[in-house]
Amino acid sequence: MSTPFPADEALVCSARGCRAAAVWALEWNNPRLHDAARRKTWLACAEHRTSLGDFLDARGFLRAVTPVPGSPTLDM
């Protein structure tokens, strides 16, 4: 299940200190804390997509990486 992104809010990257526009959604969960269907989302700009994804993947938390609706990544 995914929650639609608010259309009236600017979505920014979840990396610490970054205020760039988010173009990727990294869906994750911690299997020790969340049931298998639960998904949390971090948003990433193009610059931080890899580092945030690597952080989650190294812990076994990363479930999916998808373009943010309306982002230029959908045209790639």
PDB file of N, CA and C in Angstrom:
ATOM      1  N   MET A   1       0.853  -1.172   0.000  1.00  0.00           N
ATOM      2  CA  MET A   1       0.000   0.000   0.000  1.00  0.00           C
ATOM      3  C   MET A   1       0.893   1.228   0.000  1.00  0.00           C
ATOM      4  N   SER A   2       0.591   2.182  -0.839  1.00  0.00           N
ATOM      5  CA  SER A   2       1.368   3.411  -0.837  1.00  0.00           C
ATOM      6  C   SER A   2       0.439   4.592  -0.623  1.00  0.00           C
ATOM      7  N   THR A   3       0.988   5.604   0.005  1.00  0.00           N
ATOM      8  CA  THR A   3       0.227   6.805   0.274  1.00  0.00           C
ATOM      9  C   THR A   3       0.527   7.811  -0.822  1.00  0.00           C
ATOM     10  N   PRO A   4      -0.484   8.420  -1.428  1.00  0.00           N
ATOM     11  CA  PRO A   4      -0.202   9.422  -2.460  1.00  0.00           C
ATOM     12  C   PRO A   4       0.533  10.611  -1.864  1.00  0.00           C
ATOM     13  N   PHE A   5       1.405  11.199  -2.680  1.00  0.00           N
ATOM     14  CA  PHE A   5       2.153  12.360  -2.227  1.00  0.00           C
ATOM     15  C   PHE A   5       1.261  13.585  -2.301  1.00  0.00           C
ATOM     16  N   PRO A   6       1.328  14.482  -1.315  1.00  0.00           N
ATOM     17  CA  PRO A   6       0.502  15.686  -1.339  1.00  0.00           C
ATOM     18  C   PRO A   6       0.865  16.559  -2.538  1.00  0.00           C
ATOM     19  N   ALA A   7      -0.108  16.965  -3.313  1.00  0.00           N
ATOM     20  CA  ALA A   7       0.136  17.737  -4.525  1.00  0.00           C
ATOM     21  C   ALA A   7       0.526  19.174  -4.223  1.00  0.00           C
ATOM     22  N   ASP A   8       0.139  19.688  -3.071  1.00  0.00           N
ATOM     23  CA  ASP A   8       0.382  21.093  -2.786  1.00  0.00           C
ATOM     24  C   ASP A   8       1.648  21.354  -1.969  1.00  0.00           C
ATOM     25  N   GLU A   9       2.419  20.332  -1.645  1.00  0.00           N
ATOM     26  CA  GLU A   9       3.630  20.505  -0.865  1.00  0.00           C
ATOM     27  C   GLU A   9       4.846  20.161  -1.713  1.00  0.00           C
ATOM     28  N   ALA A  10       5.894  20.980  -1.592  1.00  0.00           N
ATOM     29  CA  ALA A  10       7.149  20.665  -2.259  1.00  0.00           C
ATOM     30  C   ALA A  10       7.802  19.508  -1.513  1.00  0.00           C
ATOM     31  N   LEU A  11       8.196  18.480  -2.234  1.00  0.00           N
ATOM     32  CA  LEU A  11       8.822  17.322  -1.622  1.00  0.00           C
ATOM     33  C   LEU A  11      10.331  17.503  -1.671  1.00  0.00           C
ATOM     34  N   VAL A  12      10.978  17.371  -0.518  1.00  0.00           N
ATOM     35  CA  VAL A  12      12.417  17.577  -0.440  1.00  0.00           C
ATOM     36  C   VAL A  12      13.116  16.289  -0.023  1.00  0.00           C
ATOM     37  N   CYS A  13      14.374  16.220  -0.350  1.00  0.00           N
ATOM     38  CA  CYS A  13      15.210  15.060  -0.055  1.00  0.00           C
ATOM     39  C   CYS A  13      15.287  14.817   1.451  1.00  0.00           C
ATOM     40  N   SER A  14      15.340  13.559   1.842  1.00  0.00           N
ATOM     41  CA  SER A  14      15.421  13.177   3.255  1.00  0.00           C
ATOM     42  C   SER A  14      16.846  13.182   3.810  1.00  0.00           C
ATOM     43  N   ALA A  15      17.849  13.363   2.947  1.00  0.00           N
ATOM     44  CA  ALA A  15      19.236  13.391   3.432  1.00  0.00           C
ATOM     45  C   ALA A  15      19.431  14.588   4.359  1.00  0.00           C
ATOM     46  N   ARG A  16      20.188  14.370   5.397  1.00  0.00           N
ATOM     47  CA  ARG A  16      20.418  15.421   6.398  1.00  0.00           C
ATOM     48  C   ARG A  16      20.988  16.682   5.739  1.00  0.00           C
ATOM     49  N   GLY A  17      20.325  17.809   5.962  1.00  0.00           N
ATOM     50  CA  GLY A  17      20.783  19.091   5.471  1.00  0.00           C
ATOM     51  C   GLY A  17      20.470  19.390   4.015  1.00  0.00           C
ATOM     52  N   CYS A  18      19.937  18.426   3.294  1.00  0.00           N
ATOM     53  CA  CYS A  18      19.631  18.638   1.877  1.00  0.00           C
ATOM     54  C   CYS A  18      18.234  19.230   1.729  1.00  0.00           C
ATOM     55  N   ARG A  19      18.107  20.238   0.913  1.00  0.00           N
ATOM     56  CA  ARG A  19      16.800  20.859   0.650  1.00  0.00           C
ATOM     57  C   ARG A  19      16.432  20.755  -0.827  1.00  0.00           C
ATOM     58  N   ALA A  20      17.115  19.890  -1.558  1.00  0.00           N
ATOM     59  CA  ALA A  20      16.848  19.714  -2.991  1.00  0.00           C
ATOM     60  C   ALA A  20      15.515  19.002  -3.185  1.00  0.00           C
ATOM     61  N   ALA A  21      14.945  19.205  -4.352  1.00  0.00           N
ATOM     62  CA  ALA A  21      13.678  18.548  -4.685  1.00  0.00           C
ATOM     63  C   ALA A  21      13.868  17.035  -4.760  1.00  0.00           C
ATOM     64  N   ALA A  22      12.925  16.319  -4.203  1.00  0.00           N
ATOM     65  CA  ALA A  22      12.971  14.854  -4.246  1.00  0.00           C
ATOM     66  C   ALA A  22      12.473  14.359  -5.595  1.00  0.00           C
ATOM     67  N   VAL A  23      13.194  13.391  -6.155  1.00  0.00           N
ATOM     68  CA  VAL A  23      12.770  12.780  -7.413  1.00  0.00           C
ATOM     69  C   VAL A  23      12.641  11.260  -7.290  1.00  0.00           C
ATOM     70  N   TRP A  24      13.084  10.701  -6.163  1.00  0.00           N
ATOM     71  CA  TRP A  24      12.990   9.258  -5.913  1.00  0.00           C
ATOM     72  C   TRP A  24      12.337   9.000  -4.564  1.00  0.00           C
ATOM     73  N   ALA A  25      11.552   7.930  -4.488  1.00  0.00           N
ATOM     74  CA  ALA A  25      10.967   7.457  -3.235  1.00  0.00           C
ATOM     75  C   ALA A  25      11.600   6.113  -2.907  1.00  0.00           C
ATOM     76  N   LEU A  26      12.236   6.021  -1.756  1.00  0.00           N
ATOM     77  CA  LEU A  26      12.846   4.770  -1.306  1.00  0.00           C
ATOM     78  C   LEU A  26      11.925   4.168  -0.257  1.00  0.00           C
ATOM     79  N   GLU A  27      11.293   3.062  -0.606  1.00  0.00           N
ATOM     80  CA  GLU A  27      10.361   2.396   0.306  1.00  0.00           C
ATOM     81  C   GLU A  27      11.134   1.360   1.106  1.00  0.00           C
ATOM     82  N   TRP A  28      10.910   1.353   2.413  1.00  0.00           N
ATOM     83  CA  TRP A  28      11.657   0.457   3.274  1.00  0.00           C
ATOM     84  C   TRP A  28      10.838   0.052   4.483  1.00  0.00           C
ATOM     85  N   ASN A  29      11.318  -0.976   5.158  1.00  0.00           N
ATOM     86  CA  ASN A  29      10.798  -1.329   6.474  1.00  0.00           C
ATOM     87  C   ASN A  29      11.863  -2.098   7.234  1.00  0.00           C
ATOM     88  N   ASN A  30      11.746  -2.089   8.537  1.00  0.00           N
ATOM     89  CA  ASN A  30      12.632  -2.857   9.404  1.00  0.00           C
ATOM     90  C   ASN A  30      11.846  -4.096   9.802  1.00  0.00           C
ATOM     91  N   PRO A  31      12.224  -5.265   9.297  1.00  0.00           N
ATOM     92  CA  PRO A  31      11.433  -6.470   9.567  1.00  0.00           C
ATOM     93  C   PRO A  31      11.363  -6.859  11.040  1.00  0.00           C
ATOM     94  N   ARG A  32      12.278  -6.348  11.860  1.00  0.00           N
ATOM     95  CA  ARG A  32      12.204  -6.635  13.297  1.00  0.00           C
ATOM     96  C   ARG A  32      11.157  -5.776  13.991  1.00  0.00           C
ATOM     97  N   LEU A  33      10.776  -4.656  13.359  1.00  0.00           N
ATOM     98  CA  LEU A  33       9.818  -3.742  13.973  1.00  0.00           C
ATOM     99  C   LEU A  33       8.480  -3.658  13.245  1.00  0.00           C
ATOM    100  N   HIS A  34       8.483  -3.873  11.927  1.00  0.00           N
ATOM    101  CA  HIS A  34       7.292  -3.679  11.103  1.00  0.00           C
ATOM    102  C   HIS A  34       6.851  -4.992  10.467  1.00  0.00           C
ATOM    103  N   ASP A  35       5.549  -5.148  10.272  1.00  0.00           N
ATOM    104  CA  ASP A  35       5.103  -6.337   9.553  1.00  0.00           C
ATOM    105  C   ASP A  35       5.505  -6.194   8.083  1.00  0.00           C
ATOM    106  N   ALA A  36       5.469  -7.288   7.348  1.00  0.00           N
ATOM    107  CA  ALA A  36       5.987  -7.330   5.978  1.00  0.00           C
ATOM    108  C   ALA A  36       5.292  -6.355   5.034  1.00  0.00           C
ATOM    109  N   ALA A  37       4.040  -6.037   5.262  1.00  0.00           N
ATOM    110  CA  ALA A  37       3.287  -5.142   4.378  1.00  0.00           C
ATOM    111  C   ALA A  37       3.550  -3.660   4.662  1.00  0.00           C
ATOM    112  N   ARG A  38       4.083  -3.345   5.811  1.00  0.00           N
ATOM    113  CA  ARG A  38       4.320  -1.944   6.201  1.00  0.00           C
ATOM    114  C   ARG A  38       5.460  -1.357   5.399  1.00  0.00           C
ATOM    115  N   ARG A  39       5.285  -0.166   4.890  1.00  0.00           N
ATOM    116  CA  ARG A  39       6.336   0.529   4.159  1.00  0.00           C
ATOM    117  C   ARG A  39       6.487   1.944   4.694  1.00  0.00           C
ATOM    118  N   LYS A  40       7.721   2.332   4.911  1.00  0.00           N
ATOM    119  CA  LYS A  40       8.045   3.707   5.245  1.00  0.00           C
ATOM    120  C   LYS A  40       8.729   4.276   3.999  1.00  0.00           C
ATOM    121  N   THR A  41       8.776   5.591   3.887  1.00  0.00           N
ATOM    122  CA  THR A  41       9.348   6.200   2.686  1.00  0.00           C
ATOM    123  C   THR A  41      10.346   7.281   3.044  1.00  0.00           C
ATOM    124  N   TRP A  42      11.508   7.196   2.417  1.00  0.00           N
ATOM    125  CA  TRP A  42      12.460   8.288   2.413  1.00  0.00           C
ATOM    126  C   TRP A  42      12.443   8.852   1.011  1.00  0.00           C
ATOM    127  N   LEU A  43      12.538  10.153   0.893  1.00  0.00           N
ATOM    128  CA  LEU A  43      12.608  10.808  -0.401  1.00  0.00           C
ATOM    129  C   LEU A  43      14.055  11.166  -0.686  1.00  0.00           C
ATOM    130  N   ALA A  44      14.440  11.104  -1.968  1.00  0.00           N
ATOM    131  CA  ALA A  44      15.827  11.394  -2.330  1.00  0.00           C
ATOM    132  C   ALA A  44      15.910  12.250  -3.580  1.00  0.00           C
ATOM    133  N   CYS A  45      16.874  13.157  -3.572  1.00  0.00           N
ATOM    134  CA  CYS A  45      17.203  13.901  -4.781  1.00  0.00           C
ATOM    135  C   CYS A  45      18.126  12.989  -5.605  1.00  0.00           C
ATOM    136  N   ALA A  46      18.453  13.409  -6.812  1.00  0.00           N
ATOM    137  CA  ALA A  46      19.320  12.596  -7.676  1.00  0.00           C
ATOM    138  C   ALA A  46      20.685  12.361  -7.020  1.00  0.00           C
ATOM    139  N   GLU A  47      21.206  13.367  -6.317  1.00  0.00           N
ATOM    140  CA  GLU A  47      22.525  13.255  -5.694  1.00  0.00           C
ATOM    141  C   GLU A  47      22.560  12.250  -4.542  1.00  0.00           C
ATOM    142  N   HIS A  48      21.491  12.139  -3.759  1.00  0.00           N
ATOM    143  CA  HIS A  48      21.487  11.291  -2.565  1.00  0.00           C
ATOM    144  C   HIS A  48      20.776   9.955  -2.741  1.00  0.00           C
ATOM    145  N   ARG A  49      20.241   9.675  -3.911  1.00  0.00           N
ATOM    146  CA  ARG A  49      19.520   8.426  -4.136  1.00  0.00           C
ATOM    147  C   ARG A  49      20.397   7.204  -3.817  1.00  0.00           C
ATOM    148  N   THR A  50      21.638   7.218  -4.273  1.00  0.00           N
ATOM    149  CA  THR A  50      22.529   6.074  -4.059  1.00  0.00           C
ATOM    150  C   THR A  50      22.933   5.936  -2.601  1.00  0.00           C
ATOM    151  N   SER A  51      23.336   7.035  -1.962  1.00  0.00           N
ATOM    152  CA  SER A  51      23.811   6.920  -0.576  1.00  0.00           C
ATOM    153  C   SER A  51      22.687   6.521   0.379  1.00  0.00           C
ATOM    154  N   LEU A  52      21.501   7.089   0.205  1.00  0.00           N
ATOM    155  CA  LEU A  52      20.378   6.685   1.058  1.00  0.00           C
ATOM    156  C   LEU A  52      19.979   5.235   0.780  1.00  0.00           C
ATOM    157  N   GLY A  53      19.953   4.860  -0.496  1.00  0.00           N
ATOM    158  CA  GLY A  53      19.617   3.479  -0.860  1.00  0.00           C
ATOM    159  C   GLY A  53      20.637   2.487  -0.321  1.00  0.00           C
ATOM    160  N   ASP A  54      21.924   2.826  -0.418  1.00  0.00           N
ATOM    161  CA  ASP A  54      22.973   1.939   0.106  1.00  0.00           C
ATOM    162  C   ASP A  54      22.856   1.770   1.614  1.00  0.00           C
ATOM    163  N   PHE A  55      22.538   2.849   2.324  1.00  0.00           N
ATOM    164  CA  PHE A  55      22.361   2.789   3.772  1.00  0.00           C
ATOM    165  C   PHE A  55      21.248   1.803   4.135  1.00  0.00           C
ATOM    166  N   LEU A  56      20.104   1.934   3.471  1.00  0.00           N
ATOM    167  CA  LEU A  56      18.971   1.041   3.753  1.00  0.00           C
ATOM    168  C   LEU A  56      19.260  -0.390   3.309  1.00  0.00           C
ATOM    169  N   ASP A  57      19.870  -0.543   2.139  1.00  0.00           N
ATOM    170  CA  ASP A  57      20.149  -1.879   1.598  1.00  0.00           C
ATOM    171  C   ASP A  57      21.146  -2.643   2.461  1.00  0.00           C
ATOM    172  N   ALA A  58      22.149  -1.960   3.001  1.00  0.00           N
ATOM    173  CA  ALA A  58      23.150  -2.611   3.853  1.00  0.00           C
ATOM    174  C   ALA A  58      22.525  -3.216   5.104  1.00  0.00           C
ATOM    175  N   ARG A  59      21.401  -2.677   5.534  1.00  0.00           N
ATOM    176  CA  ARG A  59      20.700  -3.171   6.723  1.00  0.00           C
ATOM    177  C   ARG A  59      19.573  -4.139   6.378  1.00  0.00           C
ATOM    178  N   GLY A  60      19.364  -4.366   5.079  1.00  0.00           N
ATOM    179  CA  GLY A  60      18.293  -5.265   4.649  1.00  0.00           C
ATOM    180  C   GLY A  60      16.915  -4.630   4.731  1.00  0.00           C
ATOM    181  N   PHE A  61      16.850  -3.294   4.725  1.00  0.00           N
ATOM    182  CA  PHE A  61      15.583  -2.592   4.886  1.00  0.00           C
ATOM    183  C   PHE A  61      14.956  -2.156   3.564  1.00  0.00           C
ATOM    184  N   LEU A  62      15.755  -1.937   2.522  1.00  0.00           N
ATOM    185  CA  LEU A  62      15.259  -1.382   1.262  1.00  0.00           C
ATOM    186  C   LEU A  62      14.339  -2.373   0.562  1.00  0.00           C
ATOM    187  N   ARG A  63      13.148  -1.907   0.186  1.00  0.00           N
ATOM    188  CA  ARG A  63      12.170  -2.754  -0.488  1.00  0.00           C
ATOM    189  C   ARG A  63      11.939  -2.344  -1.933  1.00  0.00           C
ATOM    190  N   ALA A  64      11.941  -1.030  -2.227  1.00  0.00           N
ATOM    191  CA  ALA A  64      11.702  -0.568  -3.593  1.00  0.00           C
ATOM    192  C   ALA A  64      12.187   0.861  -3.745  1.00  0.00           C
ATOM    193  N   VAL A  65      12.577   1.209  -4.973  1.00  0.00           N
ATOM    194  CA  VAL A  65      12.936   2.577  -5.323  1.00  0.00           C
ATOM    195  C   VAL A  65      12.083   2.945  -6.532  1.00  0.00           C
ATOM    196  N   THR A  66      11.287   3.986  -6.388  1.00  0.00           N
ATOM    197  CA  THR A  66      10.391   4.400  -7.460  1.00  0.00           C
ATOM    198  C   THR A  66      10.488   5.905  -7.673  1.00  0.00           C
ATOM    199  N   PRO A  67      10.200   6.355  -8.897  1.00  0.00           N
ATOM    200  CA  PRO A  67      10.193   7.804  -9.132  1.00  0.00           C
ATOM    201  C   PRO A  67       9.055   8.469  -8.370  1.00  0.00           C
ATOM    202  N   VAL A  68       9.310   9.663  -7.896  1.00  0.00           N
ATOM    203  CA  VAL A  68       8.269  10.456  -7.241  1.00  0.00           C
ATOM    204  C   VAL A  68       7.325  10.947  -8.331  1.00  0.00           C
ATOM    205  N   PRO A  69       6.012  10.834  -8.150  1.00  0.00           N
ATOM    206  CA  PRO A  69       5.070  11.330  -9.163  1.00  0.00           C
ATOM    207  C   PRO A  69       5.342  12.794  -9.529  1.00  0.00           C
ATOM    208  N   GLY A  70       5.391  13.042 -10.821  1.00  0.00           N
ATOM    209  CA  GLY A  70       5.634  14.395 -11.296  1.00  0.00           C
ATOM    210  C   GLY A  70       7.097  14.754 -11.418  1.00  0.00           C
ATOM    211  N   SER A  71       8.005  13.834 -11.068  1.00  0.00           N
ATOM    212  CA  SER A  71       9.422  14.139 -11.156  1.00  0.00           C
ATOM    213  C   SER A  71       9.946  13.879 -12.563  1.00  0.00           C
ATOM    214  N   PRO A  72      11.070  14.501 -12.932  1.00  0.00           N
ATOM    215  CA  PRO A  72      11.629  14.260 -14.252  1.00  0.00           C
ATOM    216  C   PRO A  72      12.126  12.829 -14.434  1.00  0.00           C
ATOM    217  N   THR A  73      12.301  12.069 -13.351  1.00  0.00           N
ATOM    218  CA  THR A  73      12.754  10.685 -13.475  1.00  0.00           C
ATOM    219  C   THR A  73      11.720   9.821 -14.178  1.00  0.00           C
ATOM    220  N   LEU A  74      10.465  10.223 -14.195  1.00  0.00           N
ATOM    221  CA  LEU A  74       9.436   9.456 -14.885  1.00  0.00           C
ATOM    222  C   LEU A  74       9.625   9.524 -16.403  1.00  0.00           C
ATOM    223  N   ASP A  75      10.319  10.542 -16.890  1.00  0.00           N
ATOM    224  CA  ASP A  75      10.536  10.702 -18.314  1.00  0.00           C
ATOM    225  C   ASP A  75      11.794  10.004 -18.797  1.00  0.00           C
ATOM    226  N   MET A  76      12.596   9.459 -17.900  1.00  0.00           N
ATOM    227  CA  MET A  76      13.865   8.807 -18.262  1.00  0.00           C
ATOM    228  C   MET A  76      13.634   7.424 -18.791  1.00  0.00           C
TER     229      MET A  76
END
